[in-house]
Structure formats: structure tokens, C-alpha cells
Protein backbone atom coordinates (compact mmCIF):
# COMPACT_ATOMS: atom_id res chain seq x y z
CA MET A 1 -47.76 198.72 -213.35
CA LEU A 2 -48.72 201.46 -215.82
CA LYS A 3 -47.46 199.40 -218.72
CA ARG A 4 -49.83 196.63 -217.70
CA LEU A 5 -52.79 199.06 -217.52
CA PHE A 6 -52.19 200.57 -220.94
CA ARG A 7 -51.07 197.46 -222.77
CA LYS A 8 -52.97 196.86 -225.99
CA LYS A 9 -55.15 193.82 -226.00
CA ALA A 10 -54.19 191.13 -228.47
CA ALA A 11 -56.42 190.98 -231.51
CA ALA A 12 -58.25 187.81 -232.39
CA PRO A 13 -56.26 185.61 -234.74
CA ALA A 14 -56.97 186.23 -238.41
CA ASP A 15 -57.75 182.56 -238.98
CA ALA A 16 -60.36 182.32 -236.19
CA ARG A 17 -63.18 180.11 -237.42
CA CYS A 18 -66.78 179.70 -236.38
CA VAL A 19 -67.49 176.43 -234.65
CA GLU A 20 -70.23 174.01 -235.57
CA CYS A 21 -72.27 172.35 -232.85
CA PRO A 22 -75.25 170.03 -232.47
CA LEU A 23 -78.63 171.73 -232.76
CA ALA A 24 -79.44 170.41 -229.27
CA ALA A 25 -76.71 172.71 -227.85
CA CYS A 26 -78.41 175.87 -229.14
CA ALA A 27 -80.42 177.99 -226.71
CA SER A 28 -83.81 179.58 -227.28
CA GLY A 29 -83.54 182.53 -229.66
CA CYS A 30 -80.46 181.16 -231.43
CA ARG A 31 -80.33 181.46 -235.22
CA ALA A 32 -78.31 178.85 -237.08
CA ALA A 33 -77.63 177.34 -240.49
CA ILE A 34 -77.93 173.59 -240.92
CA LEU A 35 -74.64 172.04 -242.01
CA ARG A 36 -75.48 168.33 -242.08
CA MET A 37 -77.78 165.69 -240.67
CA ASP A 38 -76.00 162.76 -239.02
CA CYS A 39 -79.04 160.48 -238.91
CA ASP A 40 -80.23 157.56 -241.01
CA GLN A 41 -81.43 158.16 -244.56
CA ASP A 42 -85.14 157.71 -243.77
CA GLU A 43 -84.98 160.26 -240.96
CA ALA A 44 -83.04 162.73 -243.15
CA THR A 45 -85.65 162.34 -245.90
CA ARG A 46 -88.44 163.00 -243.39
CA LEU A 47 -86.66 166.13 -242.14
CA ARG A 48 -86.17 167.40 -245.69
CA GLY A 49 -89.88 166.84 -246.29
CA MET A 50 -90.56 169.18 -243.35
CA GLY A 51 -88.30 171.87 -244.85
CA LEU A 52 -85.02 171.17 -243.02
CA PHE A 53 -82.27 171.14 -245.65
CA GLU A 54 -78.52 171.56 -245.47
CA GLY A 55 -78.00 175.31 -245.77
CA SER A 56 -81.42 176.21 -244.33
CA CYS A 57 -81.53 178.97 -241.73
CA ILE A 58 -83.52 178.14 -238.61
CA GLN A 59 -84.39 179.82 -235.34
CA VAL A 60 -84.73 177.97 -232.05
CA VAL A 61 -88.03 179.08 -230.50
CA ASP A 62 -87.84 176.86 -227.41
CA SER A 63 -85.17 174.43 -226.24
CA ARG A 64 -86.52 173.27 -222.87
CA ASN A 65 -88.16 169.95 -223.82
CA GLY A 66 -86.72 168.90 -227.14
CA MET A 67 -86.49 171.66 -229.73
CA LEU A 68 -89.17 173.91 -231.18
CA LEU A 69 -87.85 175.46 -234.40
CA GLU A 70 -89.03 178.08 -236.83
CA VAL A 71 -88.17 177.25 -240.44
CA LYS A 72 -89.42 179.46 -243.27
CA GLY A 73 -92.35 180.68 -241.17
CA ALA A 74 -93.41 177.20 -239.99
CA ARG A 75 -92.80 175.72 -236.54
CA LEU A 76 -91.43 172.22 -236.13
CA ALA A 77 -90.83 170.17 -232.99
CA LEU A 78 -87.89 167.76 -232.73
CA GLY A 79 -86.88 165.39 -229.97
CA GLN A 80 -83.57 165.81 -228.16
CA ALA A 81 -81.96 162.75 -229.82
CA LEU A 82 -82.79 163.95 -233.33
CA ALA A 83 -81.69 167.51 -232.52
CA SER A 84 -78.35 166.08 -231.38
CA ALA A 85 -77.87 164.47 -234.81
CA ILE A 86 -78.26 167.78 -236.69
CA ARG A 87 -75.05 169.83 -236.96
CA VAL A 88 -75.49 173.60 -237.24
CA LEU A 89 -73.43 176.75 -237.48
CA PRO A 90 -74.75 179.41 -235.07
CA LEU A 91 -75.27 182.78 -236.79
CA ALA A 92 -74.62 186.20 -235.31
CA GLY A 93 -77.53 188.55 -234.72
């Protein structure tokens, strides 16, 4: 019994990796980096014109009805389907 109480907890594996997810899965307040855009070329060009690039850091302002994002001080609204096509890496803090 005492051994179980004082047993050291296993450390996280050294090769633990962060997991990418669709932007649509991020909650309000989440900060993330854009990894890729899995949408057609015209849509990707339109998003880049609005300031969404691979490597850009974004913050989700609201995720209730579609996505409201803050990108470089500007706010952008995206529909749920388009947000699902954008793959991001959530950032800590």
C-alpha cells in the first residue's frame, strides 16, 4: 500500500509530439500556428490575401458560430467548413 502511495509517476516520453488539428476544433481563446490549408487553390489564395499564411499565428476570438479569428491585429470570420479545412498546431500560453 505505501509503495503505491509513494511510487514516482512516470515521466512523459521524450519523443512526445504536439498534435495538429483542424482549426474548427479549437476553442475560444486558443492560439495556434497554421500548418496547411486543405482547400482548393482559389480558396487558399483568398485566405492568403486576408493574411492567413502557413506559419501565421492566430488567436480564436469566438468559435460558437463559425470562427472569429484575430490575425496580426485584424479580425476575420470563417465558416465552419472552411475552418475544418485549415490544419493548425495549438500553441501553449
